[in-house]
N, C-alpha and C. Protein backbone atom coordinates (compact mmCIF):
# COMPACT_ATOMS: atom_id res chain seq x y z
N MET A 1 -10.48 -9.40 1.68
CA MET A 1 -9.23 -9.62 0.97
C MET A 1 -8.80 -8.30 0.33
N SER A 2 -7.61 -7.90 0.61
CA SER A 2 -7.07 -6.67 0.05
C SER A 2 -6.41 -6.95 -1.30
N VAL A 3 -6.74 -6.14 -2.28
CA VAL A 3 -6.22 -6.33 -3.62
C VAL A 3 -5.28 -5.17 -3.95
N ASP A 4 -4.13 -5.50 -4.45
CA ASP A 4 -3.17 -4.49 -4.89
C ASP A 4 -3.41 -4.24 -6.38
N LEU A 5 -4.24 -3.25 -6.69
CA LEU A 5 -4.59 -2.97 -8.08
C LEU A 5 -3.39 -2.51 -8.89
N ASP A 6 -2.40 -1.91 -8.23
CA ASP A 6 -1.18 -1.54 -8.94
C ASP A 6 -0.47 -2.80 -9.44
N GLU A 7 -0.41 -3.84 -8.60
CA GLU A 7 0.19 -5.10 -9.03
C GLU A 7 -0.61 -5.72 -10.18
N ILE A 8 -1.92 -5.73 -10.06
CA ILE A 8 -2.79 -6.31 -11.09
C ILE A 8 -2.56 -5.58 -12.41
N THR A 9 -2.50 -4.28 -12.37
CA THR A 9 -2.27 -3.48 -13.59
C THR A 9 -0.88 -3.75 -14.15
N ARG A 10 0.12 -3.81 -13.30
CA ARG A 10 1.50 -4.05 -13.73
C ARG A 10 1.64 -5.43 -14.40
N ILE A 11 0.96 -6.43 -13.85
CA ILE A 11 1.01 -7.78 -14.43
C ILE A 11 0.55 -7.74 -15.88
N ARG A 12 -0.55 -7.05 -16.15
CA ARG A 12 -1.08 -6.95 -17.53
C ARG A 12 -0.13 -6.17 -18.43
N GLU A 13 0.40 -5.08 -17.93
CA GLU A 13 1.30 -4.24 -18.73
C GLU A 13 2.59 -4.96 -19.09
N ASP A 14 3.09 -5.80 -18.19
CA ASP A 14 4.36 -6.49 -18.39
C ASP A 14 4.24 -7.85 -19.08
N ALA A 15 3.03 -8.34 -19.22
CA ALA A 15 2.82 -9.70 -19.72
C ALA A 15 3.24 -9.87 -21.18
N ASP A 16 3.56 -11.11 -21.52
CA ASP A 16 3.86 -11.47 -22.91
C ASP A 16 2.57 -11.93 -23.57
N CYS A 17 2.24 -11.36 -24.72
CA CYS A 17 1.05 -11.78 -25.46
C CYS A 17 1.42 -13.03 -26.27
N LEU A 18 0.78 -14.16 -25.96
CA LEU A 18 1.04 -15.41 -26.66
C LEU A 18 0.09 -15.60 -27.84
N ALA A 19 -1.10 -15.00 -27.75
CA ALA A 19 -2.08 -15.10 -28.84
C ALA A 19 -2.95 -13.85 -28.78
N ASP A 20 -2.91 -13.05 -29.83
CA ASP A 20 -3.73 -11.83 -29.84
C ASP A 20 -5.19 -12.17 -30.16
N GLY A 21 -6.03 -11.15 -30.12
CA GLY A 21 -7.46 -11.35 -30.35
C GLY A 21 -7.77 -12.00 -31.69
N ALA A 22 -7.06 -11.64 -32.74
CA ALA A 22 -7.30 -12.22 -34.07
C ALA A 22 -6.95 -13.71 -34.08
N THR A 23 -5.87 -14.07 -33.42
CA THR A 23 -5.47 -15.48 -33.34
C THR A 23 -6.51 -16.28 -32.57
N VAL A 24 -7.01 -15.72 -31.47
CA VAL A 24 -8.05 -16.38 -30.68
C VAL A 24 -9.32 -16.53 -31.52
N ALA A 25 -9.71 -15.49 -32.23
CA ALA A 25 -10.92 -15.56 -33.07
C ALA A 25 -10.80 -16.64 -34.14
N ALA A 26 -9.63 -16.77 -34.75
CA ALA A 26 -9.42 -17.82 -35.76
C ALA A 26 -9.52 -19.20 -35.12
N ALA A 27 -8.97 -19.36 -33.92
CA ALA A 27 -9.07 -20.64 -33.20
C ALA A 27 -10.52 -20.96 -32.87
N LEU A 28 -11.29 -19.97 -32.47
CA LEU A 28 -12.70 -20.16 -32.17
C LEU A 28 -13.49 -20.58 -33.41
N GLU A 29 -13.19 -19.98 -34.54
CA GLU A 29 -13.87 -20.35 -35.80
C GLU A 29 -13.58 -21.81 -36.15
N ARG A 30 -12.32 -22.20 -36.01
CA ARG A 30 -11.94 -23.59 -36.31
C ARG A 30 -12.61 -24.56 -35.35
N MET A 31 -12.58 -24.23 -34.06
CA MET A 31 -13.23 -25.09 -33.07
C MET A 31 -14.72 -25.22 -33.34
N ALA A 32 -15.37 -24.12 -33.64
CA ALA A 32 -16.81 -24.14 -33.91
C ALA A 32 -17.12 -25.02 -35.11
N ALA A 33 -16.30 -24.94 -36.14
CA ALA A 33 -16.51 -25.78 -37.32
C ALA A 33 -16.35 -27.27 -36.96
N GLU A 34 -15.36 -27.60 -36.14
CA GLU A 34 -15.15 -28.99 -35.72
C GLU A 34 -16.31 -29.48 -34.84
N ILE A 35 -16.74 -28.66 -33.91
CA ILE A 35 -17.85 -29.04 -33.04
C ILE A 35 -19.12 -29.23 -33.87
N THR A 36 -19.37 -28.31 -34.79
CA THR A 36 -20.55 -28.40 -35.64
C THR A 36 -20.53 -29.68 -36.47
N ALA A 37 -19.39 -29.98 -37.07
CA ALA A 37 -19.28 -31.17 -37.91
C ALA A 37 -19.55 -32.45 -37.13
N GLN A 38 -19.15 -32.48 -35.87
CA GLN A 38 -19.27 -33.70 -35.08
C GLN A 38 -20.52 -33.77 -34.19
N MET A 39 -21.14 -32.61 -33.89
CA MET A 39 -22.20 -32.63 -32.90
C MET A 39 -23.52 -32.00 -33.35
N ALA A 40 -23.61 -31.52 -34.57
CA ALA A 40 -24.78 -30.76 -35.01
C ALA A 40 -26.11 -31.50 -34.85
N GLY A 41 -26.14 -32.78 -35.05
CA GLY A 41 -27.40 -33.51 -34.96
C GLY A 41 -27.66 -34.17 -33.62
N SER A 42 -26.90 -33.84 -32.60
CA SER A 42 -26.97 -34.59 -31.34
C SER A 42 -27.78 -33.94 -30.22
N ASN A 43 -28.34 -32.75 -30.46
CA ASN A 43 -29.10 -32.04 -29.44
C ASN A 43 -28.32 -31.98 -28.13
N PRO A 44 -27.12 -31.41 -28.14
CA PRO A 44 -26.29 -31.47 -26.95
C PRO A 44 -26.74 -30.54 -25.83
N LEU A 45 -26.38 -30.95 -24.63
CA LEU A 45 -26.47 -30.09 -23.46
C LEU A 45 -25.05 -29.59 -23.23
N VAL A 46 -24.85 -28.30 -23.33
CA VAL A 46 -23.52 -27.71 -23.20
C VAL A 46 -23.36 -27.18 -21.78
N TYR A 47 -22.40 -27.73 -21.06
CA TYR A 47 -22.10 -27.26 -19.72
C TYR A 47 -20.90 -26.32 -19.77
N VAL A 48 -21.09 -25.12 -19.24
CA VAL A 48 -20.03 -24.13 -19.15
C VAL A 48 -19.43 -24.23 -17.75
N VAL A 49 -18.12 -24.43 -17.68
CA VAL A 49 -17.44 -24.48 -16.39
C VAL A 49 -17.15 -23.04 -15.97
N MET A 50 -17.75 -22.64 -14.86
CA MET A 50 -17.56 -21.29 -14.36
C MET A 50 -16.29 -21.23 -13.53
N ASN A 51 -15.61 -20.16 -13.50
CA ASN A 51 -15.84 -18.92 -14.21
C ASN A 51 -15.06 -18.89 -15.52
N GLY A 52 -14.05 -19.71 -15.63
CA GLY A 52 -13.16 -19.67 -16.79
C GLY A 52 -13.84 -19.92 -18.11
N GLY A 53 -14.81 -20.81 -18.16
CA GLY A 53 -15.47 -21.14 -19.42
C GLY A 53 -16.46 -20.10 -19.91
N LEU A 54 -16.75 -19.10 -19.09
CA LEU A 54 -17.72 -18.07 -19.44
C LEU A 54 -17.35 -17.32 -20.71
N ILE A 55 -16.12 -16.89 -20.82
CA ILE A 55 -15.68 -16.12 -21.99
C ILE A 55 -15.70 -17.00 -23.23
N LEU A 56 -15.19 -18.22 -23.12
CA LEU A 56 -15.23 -19.15 -24.25
C LEU A 56 -16.68 -19.37 -24.69
N ALA A 57 -17.56 -19.63 -23.75
CA ALA A 57 -18.97 -19.88 -24.10
C ALA A 57 -19.58 -18.68 -24.82
N GLY A 58 -19.32 -17.49 -24.30
CA GLY A 58 -19.87 -16.29 -24.92
C GLY A 58 -19.39 -16.06 -26.34
N GLN A 59 -18.22 -16.58 -26.65
CA GLN A 59 -17.66 -16.38 -27.99
C GLN A 59 -17.93 -17.55 -28.94
N ILE A 60 -18.03 -18.76 -28.42
CA ILE A 60 -18.19 -19.90 -29.32
C ILE A 60 -19.65 -20.30 -29.54
N LEU A 61 -20.50 -20.14 -28.54
CA LEU A 61 -21.89 -20.57 -28.71
C LEU A 61 -22.59 -19.87 -29.89
N PRO A 62 -22.39 -18.57 -30.11
CA PRO A 62 -23.03 -17.95 -31.28
C PRO A 62 -22.49 -18.48 -32.62
N ARG A 63 -21.37 -19.17 -32.59
CA ARG A 63 -20.79 -19.74 -33.80
C ARG A 63 -21.30 -21.17 -34.07
N LEU A 64 -22.11 -21.71 -33.19
CA LEU A 64 -22.64 -23.06 -33.35
C LEU A 64 -24.07 -22.97 -33.90
N PRO A 65 -24.26 -23.25 -35.20
CA PRO A 65 -25.56 -23.01 -35.84
C PRO A 65 -26.53 -24.18 -35.75
N PHE A 66 -26.67 -24.76 -34.57
CA PHE A 66 -27.57 -25.90 -34.41
C PHE A 66 -28.21 -25.82 -33.02
N PRO A 67 -29.33 -26.53 -32.83
CA PRO A 67 -30.01 -26.49 -31.53
C PRO A 67 -29.16 -27.12 -30.42
N LEU A 68 -29.12 -26.44 -29.30
CA LEU A 68 -28.40 -26.94 -28.13
C LEU A 68 -28.99 -26.28 -26.89
N GLU A 69 -28.77 -26.90 -25.75
CA GLU A 69 -29.14 -26.31 -24.48
C GLU A 69 -27.87 -25.92 -23.75
N VAL A 70 -27.96 -24.88 -22.93
CA VAL A 70 -26.80 -24.40 -22.18
C VAL A 70 -27.11 -24.42 -20.68
N ALA A 71 -26.16 -24.90 -19.92
CA ALA A 71 -26.24 -24.89 -18.47
C ALA A 71 -24.84 -24.60 -17.94
N TYR A 72 -24.73 -24.50 -16.65
CA TYR A 72 -23.41 -24.26 -16.09
C TYR A 72 -23.17 -25.12 -14.87
N LEU A 73 -21.90 -25.27 -14.55
CA LEU A 73 -21.48 -25.90 -13.32
C LEU A 73 -20.29 -25.11 -12.82
N HIS A 74 -19.98 -25.28 -11.57
CA HIS A 74 -18.85 -24.54 -11.02
C HIS A 74 -18.05 -25.46 -10.11
N ALA A 75 -16.89 -25.81 -10.59
CA ALA A 75 -15.95 -26.62 -9.82
C ALA A 75 -14.58 -25.99 -10.04
N THR A 76 -13.82 -25.87 -8.98
CA THR A 76 -12.53 -25.20 -9.10
C THR A 76 -11.50 -25.85 -8.19
N ARG A 77 -10.25 -25.71 -8.57
CA ARG A 77 -9.14 -26.11 -7.71
C ARG A 77 -8.30 -24.90 -7.36
N TYR A 78 -8.60 -23.75 -7.93
CA TYR A 78 -7.74 -22.60 -7.77
C TYR A 78 -8.33 -21.48 -6.93
N GLY A 79 -9.60 -21.15 -7.10
CA GLY A 79 -10.12 -19.95 -6.47
C GLY A 79 -9.30 -18.77 -6.98
N HIS A 80 -8.77 -17.96 -6.10
CA HIS A 80 -7.90 -16.85 -6.52
C HIS A 80 -6.43 -17.18 -6.28
N ALA A 81 -6.14 -18.43 -5.94
CA ALA A 81 -4.76 -18.84 -5.69
C ALA A 81 -4.02 -19.05 -7.00
N LEU A 82 -2.73 -19.10 -6.93
CA LEU A 82 -1.91 -19.31 -8.12
C LEU A 82 -1.63 -20.79 -8.36
N LYS A 83 -1.85 -21.62 -7.38
CA LYS A 83 -1.64 -23.06 -7.53
C LYS A 83 -2.91 -23.78 -7.09
N GLY A 84 -3.17 -24.93 -7.72
CA GLY A 84 -4.38 -25.68 -7.43
C GLY A 84 -4.30 -26.47 -6.14
N ASN A 85 -5.47 -26.68 -5.58
CA ASN A 85 -5.57 -27.54 -4.41
C ASN A 85 -6.76 -28.47 -4.63
N GLN A 86 -7.44 -28.87 -3.60
CA GLN A 86 -8.51 -29.84 -3.70
C GLN A 86 -9.70 -29.31 -4.51
N LEU A 87 -10.40 -30.21 -5.22
CA LEU A 87 -11.57 -29.82 -6.02
C LEU A 87 -12.69 -29.33 -5.12
N ASP A 88 -13.23 -28.19 -5.46
CA ASP A 88 -14.32 -27.56 -4.71
C ASP A 88 -15.51 -27.42 -5.65
N TRP A 89 -16.58 -28.22 -5.40
CA TRP A 89 -17.81 -28.11 -6.19
C TRP A 89 -18.63 -26.98 -5.61
N ARG A 90 -18.80 -25.91 -6.37
CA ARG A 90 -19.61 -24.78 -5.92
C ARG A 90 -21.03 -24.87 -6.48
N MET A 91 -21.18 -25.48 -7.65
CA MET A 91 -22.50 -25.72 -8.24
C MET A 91 -22.40 -26.98 -9.09
N ARG A 92 -23.07 -28.03 -8.64
CA ARG A 92 -23.07 -29.29 -9.38
C ARG A 92 -24.10 -29.21 -10.50
N PRO A 93 -23.94 -30.06 -11.52
CA PRO A 93 -24.93 -30.10 -12.60
C PRO A 93 -26.32 -30.44 -12.04
N THR A 94 -27.35 -29.81 -12.59
CA THR A 94 -28.70 -30.02 -12.10
C THR A 94 -29.62 -30.68 -13.13
N GLN A 95 -29.23 -30.75 -14.39
CA GLN A 95 -30.08 -31.33 -15.43
C GLN A 95 -29.99 -32.85 -15.41
N ASP A 96 -31.04 -33.48 -15.93
CA ASP A 96 -31.06 -34.93 -16.11
C ASP A 96 -30.20 -35.25 -17.34
N LEU A 97 -29.13 -36.00 -17.16
CA LEU A 97 -28.19 -36.28 -18.24
C LEU A 97 -28.43 -37.62 -18.92
N ARG A 98 -29.34 -38.42 -18.41
CA ARG A 98 -29.55 -39.77 -18.96
C ARG A 98 -29.87 -39.70 -20.45
N GLY A 99 -29.03 -40.39 -21.23
CA GLY A 99 -29.22 -40.48 -22.67
C GLY A 99 -28.83 -39.24 -23.46
N ARG A 100 -28.36 -38.20 -22.81
CA ARG A 100 -28.01 -36.94 -23.48
C ARG A 100 -26.57 -36.96 -23.98
N THR A 101 -26.32 -36.16 -24.99
CA THR A 101 -24.96 -35.84 -25.41
C THR A 101 -24.58 -34.57 -24.68
N VAL A 102 -23.42 -34.59 -24.03
CA VAL A 102 -22.98 -33.46 -23.21
C VAL A 102 -21.66 -32.94 -23.75
N LEU A 103 -21.54 -31.62 -23.84
CA LEU A 103 -20.30 -30.96 -24.21
C LEU A 103 -19.92 -30.03 -23.07
N VAL A 104 -18.71 -30.18 -22.55
CA VAL A 104 -18.20 -29.34 -21.47
C VAL A 104 -17.26 -28.30 -22.06
N LEU A 105 -17.52 -27.02 -21.77
CA LEU A 105 -16.66 -25.92 -22.23
C LEU A 105 -15.86 -25.36 -21.07
N ASP A 106 -14.54 -25.27 -21.25
CA ASP A 106 -13.69 -24.67 -20.22
C ASP A 106 -12.58 -23.86 -20.88
N ASP A 107 -11.92 -23.03 -20.08
CA ASP A 107 -10.90 -22.14 -20.62
C ASP A 107 -9.59 -22.85 -20.94
N ILE A 108 -9.16 -23.77 -20.06
CA ILE A 108 -7.82 -24.34 -20.22
C ILE A 108 -7.76 -25.78 -19.73
N LEU A 109 -6.94 -26.55 -20.40
CA LEU A 109 -6.55 -27.87 -19.91
C LEU A 109 -5.08 -27.74 -19.51
N ASP A 110 -4.85 -27.63 -18.21
CA ASP A 110 -3.50 -27.53 -17.69
C ASP A 110 -3.07 -28.94 -17.30
N GLU A 111 -3.12 -29.29 -16.04
CA GLU A 111 -2.81 -30.67 -15.65
C GLU A 111 -4.01 -31.58 -15.88
N GLY A 112 -5.20 -31.02 -15.87
CA GLY A 112 -6.39 -31.77 -16.21
C GLY A 112 -7.14 -32.38 -15.05
N HIS A 113 -6.71 -32.15 -13.82
CA HIS A 113 -7.40 -32.73 -12.66
C HIS A 113 -8.85 -32.27 -12.57
N THR A 114 -9.08 -30.96 -12.72
CA THR A 114 -10.43 -30.42 -12.61
C THR A 114 -11.31 -30.94 -13.74
N LEU A 115 -10.84 -30.83 -14.97
CA LEU A 115 -11.63 -31.28 -16.10
C LEU A 115 -11.92 -32.78 -16.01
N GLN A 116 -10.94 -33.57 -15.63
CA GLN A 116 -11.14 -35.01 -15.52
C GLN A 116 -12.19 -35.34 -14.46
N ALA A 117 -12.14 -34.66 -13.32
CA ALA A 117 -13.12 -34.89 -12.27
C ALA A 117 -14.52 -34.52 -12.74
N ILE A 118 -14.65 -33.43 -13.47
CA ILE A 118 -15.94 -33.02 -14.01
C ILE A 118 -16.46 -34.04 -15.00
N LEU A 119 -15.61 -34.47 -15.92
CA LEU A 119 -16.02 -35.45 -16.93
C LEU A 119 -16.45 -36.77 -16.27
N GLU A 120 -15.70 -37.23 -15.28
CA GLU A 120 -16.06 -38.47 -14.59
C GLU A 120 -17.40 -38.34 -13.87
N TYR A 121 -17.62 -37.20 -13.23
CA TYR A 121 -18.89 -36.95 -12.55
C TYR A 121 -20.05 -37.01 -13.56
N LEU A 122 -19.88 -36.32 -14.68
CA LEU A 122 -20.95 -36.28 -15.69
C LEU A 122 -21.20 -37.66 -16.29
N LYS A 123 -20.14 -38.40 -16.57
CA LYS A 123 -20.29 -39.75 -17.15
C LYS A 123 -21.05 -40.68 -16.22
N ALA A 124 -20.89 -40.50 -14.93
CA ALA A 124 -21.59 -41.34 -13.95
C ALA A 124 -23.09 -41.06 -13.91
N GLU A 125 -23.53 -39.96 -14.52
CA GLU A 125 -24.94 -39.59 -14.53
C GLU A 125 -25.72 -40.22 -15.69
N GLY A 126 -25.08 -41.05 -16.51
CA GLY A 126 -25.77 -41.81 -17.54
C GLY A 126 -26.01 -41.14 -18.88
N PRO A 127 -25.15 -40.21 -19.30
CA PRO A 127 -25.36 -39.61 -20.62
C PRO A 127 -24.99 -40.58 -21.73
N LYS A 128 -25.44 -40.27 -22.94
CA LYS A 128 -25.04 -41.05 -24.11
C LYS A 128 -23.54 -40.89 -24.35
N GLU A 129 -23.07 -39.63 -24.29
CA GLU A 129 -21.64 -39.36 -24.42
C GLU A 129 -21.32 -38.02 -23.77
N VAL A 130 -20.07 -37.87 -23.37
CA VAL A 130 -19.58 -36.63 -22.80
C VAL A 130 -18.32 -36.24 -23.57
N ARG A 131 -18.31 -35.01 -24.09
CA ARG A 131 -17.16 -34.50 -24.83
C ARG A 131 -16.71 -33.21 -24.17
N SER A 132 -15.50 -32.78 -24.50
CA SER A 132 -14.95 -31.58 -23.88
C SER A 132 -14.33 -30.67 -24.92
N ALA A 133 -14.38 -29.38 -24.62
CA ALA A 133 -13.77 -28.36 -25.47
C ALA A 133 -13.09 -27.33 -24.59
N VAL A 134 -11.85 -27.03 -24.90
CA VAL A 134 -11.10 -26.01 -24.16
C VAL A 134 -10.48 -25.03 -25.16
N LEU A 135 -10.40 -23.79 -24.75
CA LEU A 135 -9.75 -22.81 -25.61
C LEU A 135 -8.25 -23.06 -25.67
N THR A 136 -7.64 -23.39 -24.52
CA THR A 136 -6.19 -23.55 -24.48
C THR A 136 -5.79 -24.90 -23.87
N HIS A 137 -4.76 -25.47 -24.46
CA HIS A 137 -4.16 -26.71 -23.96
C HIS A 137 -2.71 -26.37 -23.63
N LYS A 138 -2.37 -26.47 -22.34
CA LYS A 138 -1.01 -26.13 -21.92
C LYS A 138 -0.08 -27.29 -22.23
N LEU A 139 1.03 -26.98 -22.89
CA LEU A 139 2.00 -27.99 -23.31
C LEU A 139 3.00 -28.29 -22.20
N HIS A 140 2.87 -29.48 -21.62
CA HIS A 140 3.82 -29.99 -20.62
C HIS A 140 3.52 -31.47 -20.40
N ASP A 141 4.34 -32.11 -19.58
CA ASP A 141 4.21 -33.55 -19.31
C ASP A 141 3.63 -33.85 -17.93
N ARG A 142 2.89 -32.92 -17.34
CA ARG A 142 2.34 -33.12 -16.01
C ARG A 142 0.83 -33.39 -16.03
N LYS A 143 0.30 -33.90 -17.12
CA LYS A 143 -1.13 -34.16 -17.21
C LYS A 143 -1.55 -35.21 -16.18
N ALA A 144 -2.79 -35.10 -15.73
CA ALA A 144 -3.35 -36.08 -14.79
C ALA A 144 -3.28 -37.48 -15.39
N TYR A 145 -3.48 -37.55 -16.69
CA TYR A 145 -3.39 -38.81 -17.43
C TYR A 145 -2.51 -38.55 -18.64
N PRO A 146 -1.44 -39.34 -18.85
CA PRO A 146 -0.53 -39.09 -19.97
C PRO A 146 -1.29 -38.99 -21.30
N GLY A 147 -0.95 -37.97 -22.06
CA GLY A 147 -1.58 -37.77 -23.36
C GLY A 147 -2.97 -37.17 -23.31
N MET A 148 -3.43 -36.74 -22.14
CA MET A 148 -4.78 -36.19 -21.99
C MET A 148 -4.97 -34.96 -22.87
N ARG A 149 -6.10 -34.95 -23.60
CA ARG A 149 -6.48 -33.80 -24.42
C ARG A 149 -7.99 -33.69 -24.40
N ALA A 150 -8.48 -32.49 -24.61
CA ALA A 150 -9.91 -32.30 -24.80
C ALA A 150 -10.27 -32.79 -26.19
N ASP A 151 -11.55 -33.03 -26.42
CA ASP A 151 -12.00 -33.45 -27.75
C ASP A 151 -11.84 -32.33 -28.77
N PHE A 152 -11.97 -31.09 -28.31
CA PHE A 152 -11.83 -29.92 -29.17
C PHE A 152 -10.93 -28.92 -28.45
N THR A 153 -9.89 -28.45 -29.14
CA THR A 153 -8.93 -27.51 -28.55
C THR A 153 -8.71 -26.35 -29.50
N GLY A 154 -8.70 -25.14 -28.94
CA GLY A 154 -8.45 -23.95 -29.74
C GLY A 154 -6.97 -23.76 -30.03
N LEU A 155 -6.18 -23.64 -28.98
CA LEU A 155 -4.75 -23.32 -29.13
C LEU A 155 -3.91 -24.13 -28.15
N ASP A 156 -2.77 -24.61 -28.62
CA ASP A 156 -1.76 -25.16 -27.74
C ASP A 156 -0.89 -23.99 -27.29
N VAL A 157 -0.62 -23.93 -25.97
CA VAL A 157 0.11 -22.78 -25.43
C VAL A 157 1.27 -23.24 -24.56
N ALA A 158 2.19 -22.33 -24.35
CA ALA A 158 3.39 -22.61 -23.55
C ALA A 158 3.02 -22.88 -22.10
N ASP A 159 3.90 -23.58 -21.41
CA ASP A 159 3.72 -23.92 -20.00
C ASP A 159 4.13 -22.73 -19.13
N ARG A 160 3.25 -21.75 -19.09
CA ARG A 160 3.48 -20.54 -18.30
C ARG A 160 2.19 -20.19 -17.57
N PHE A 161 2.25 -19.24 -16.65
CA PHE A 161 1.04 -18.80 -15.97
C PHE A 161 0.30 -17.86 -16.91
N LEU A 162 -0.91 -18.26 -17.31
CA LEU A 162 -1.66 -17.57 -18.36
C LEU A 162 -2.85 -16.81 -17.80
N PHE A 163 -3.25 -15.77 -18.53
CA PHE A 163 -4.50 -15.09 -18.23
C PHE A 163 -5.07 -14.53 -19.54
N GLY A 164 -6.33 -14.16 -19.49
CA GLY A 164 -7.04 -13.65 -20.67
C GLY A 164 -7.97 -14.70 -21.24
N CYS A 165 -8.99 -14.26 -21.94
CA CYS A 165 -9.97 -15.16 -22.58
C CYS A 165 -10.54 -16.17 -21.58
N GLY A 166 -10.81 -15.72 -20.38
CA GLY A 166 -11.40 -16.58 -19.36
C GLY A 166 -10.44 -16.97 -18.25
N MET A 167 -9.17 -17.06 -18.56
CA MET A 167 -8.17 -17.41 -17.54
C MET A 167 -7.83 -16.15 -16.75
N ASP A 168 -7.51 -16.33 -15.47
CA ASP A 168 -7.33 -15.14 -14.64
C ASP A 168 -5.99 -15.12 -13.92
N TYR A 169 -5.67 -13.93 -13.46
CA TYR A 169 -4.57 -13.72 -12.53
C TYR A 169 -5.19 -13.14 -11.26
N LYS A 170 -5.22 -13.95 -10.19
CA LYS A 170 -5.80 -13.54 -8.91
C LYS A 170 -7.23 -12.99 -9.07
N GLY A 171 -7.98 -13.60 -9.98
CA GLY A 171 -9.37 -13.19 -10.19
C GLY A 171 -9.55 -12.08 -11.22
N TYR A 172 -8.48 -11.54 -11.74
CA TYR A 172 -8.53 -10.43 -12.70
C TYR A 172 -8.07 -10.86 -14.08
N TRP A 173 -8.38 -10.05 -15.06
CA TRP A 173 -7.94 -10.14 -16.45
C TRP A 173 -8.56 -11.29 -17.24
N ARG A 174 -9.66 -11.90 -16.75
CA ARG A 174 -10.38 -12.86 -17.59
C ARG A 174 -10.84 -12.17 -18.87
N ASN A 175 -11.05 -10.87 -18.78
CA ASN A 175 -11.57 -10.07 -19.88
C ASN A 175 -10.50 -9.63 -20.88
N ALA A 176 -9.24 -9.93 -20.65
CA ALA A 176 -8.20 -9.56 -21.62
C ALA A 176 -8.50 -10.25 -22.95
N PRO A 177 -8.38 -9.55 -24.06
CA PRO A 177 -8.84 -10.06 -25.36
C PRO A 177 -7.95 -11.12 -26.01
N GLY A 178 -6.78 -11.32 -25.48
CA GLY A 178 -5.88 -12.35 -26.01
C GLY A 178 -5.46 -13.27 -24.89
N ILE A 179 -4.45 -14.06 -25.16
CA ILE A 179 -3.89 -14.96 -24.15
C ILE A 179 -2.51 -14.44 -23.79
N TYR A 180 -2.32 -14.19 -22.51
CA TYR A 180 -1.10 -13.57 -22.01
C TYR A 180 -0.42 -14.46 -20.99
N ALA A 181 0.90 -14.31 -20.89
CA ALA A 181 1.69 -15.05 -19.92
C ALA A 181 2.33 -14.05 -18.95
N VAL A 182 2.24 -14.34 -17.68
CA VAL A 182 2.84 -13.50 -16.64
C VAL A 182 4.36 -13.65 -16.71
N LYS A 183 5.04 -12.54 -16.72
CA LYS A 183 6.51 -12.59 -16.70
C LYS A 183 6.98 -13.17 -15.37
N GLY A 184 7.91 -14.11 -15.45
CA GLY A 184 8.51 -14.68 -14.26
C GLY A 184 7.72 -15.83 -13.63
N LEU A 185 6.53 -16.11 -14.14
CA LEU A 185 5.75 -17.24 -13.60
C LEU A 185 5.46 -18.23 -14.70
C-alpha cells in the first residue's frame, strides 16, 4: 500500500482542534474518578480494544488506583478505510470471563456497531457484568441503538471525521495529543 505522507501531514496541519491536550487530560481525570467510584472493589478485567483503545488505556489505567487485570482484543470495521464495513475479529478475548466484572476501553463511540458487537460477545461468555468506557462520544442520530452511550465517556464531540488520542486518519495520527477533525470530512 502506497502512502502519501504529504497528504497525511497536510491533514494534520489543516485540521480543526476540537479538544486540546489539557481538555483531554481533564476528561481522563473525570473518567478515572467515575470508574474508580463505581468499580474499585470489583477486581475488573479491563479489555483494551486495539488499536484505538491503546492510547486511552495508556493514559487512564495509571489513574485507576485499584487492582485490575488488563487484556486486549482486536475487532475492527474500518482498518485503514474511512468508512466502516463488516466486523473483523483479529484477536478474540482469551480470558475466562465467567463471574468477572469486565470493562471495555475504546477510543470512540461513533455509530456503535463495533462496540455493541464486542459487548454482546463478552456478555455471552458469562461475566458478572460488562461495562464500557470511551474517550469520545460522537454526537449524531445514527447510533446502532437509539440513545446508545458507553457507561463512561470522556468527551462529547462533533459529528466529523476525527483523529488523535487513539483515533486515526488512514492509520496515522493516533499519537496526536488532542482530538482533531479533518477539514471537509
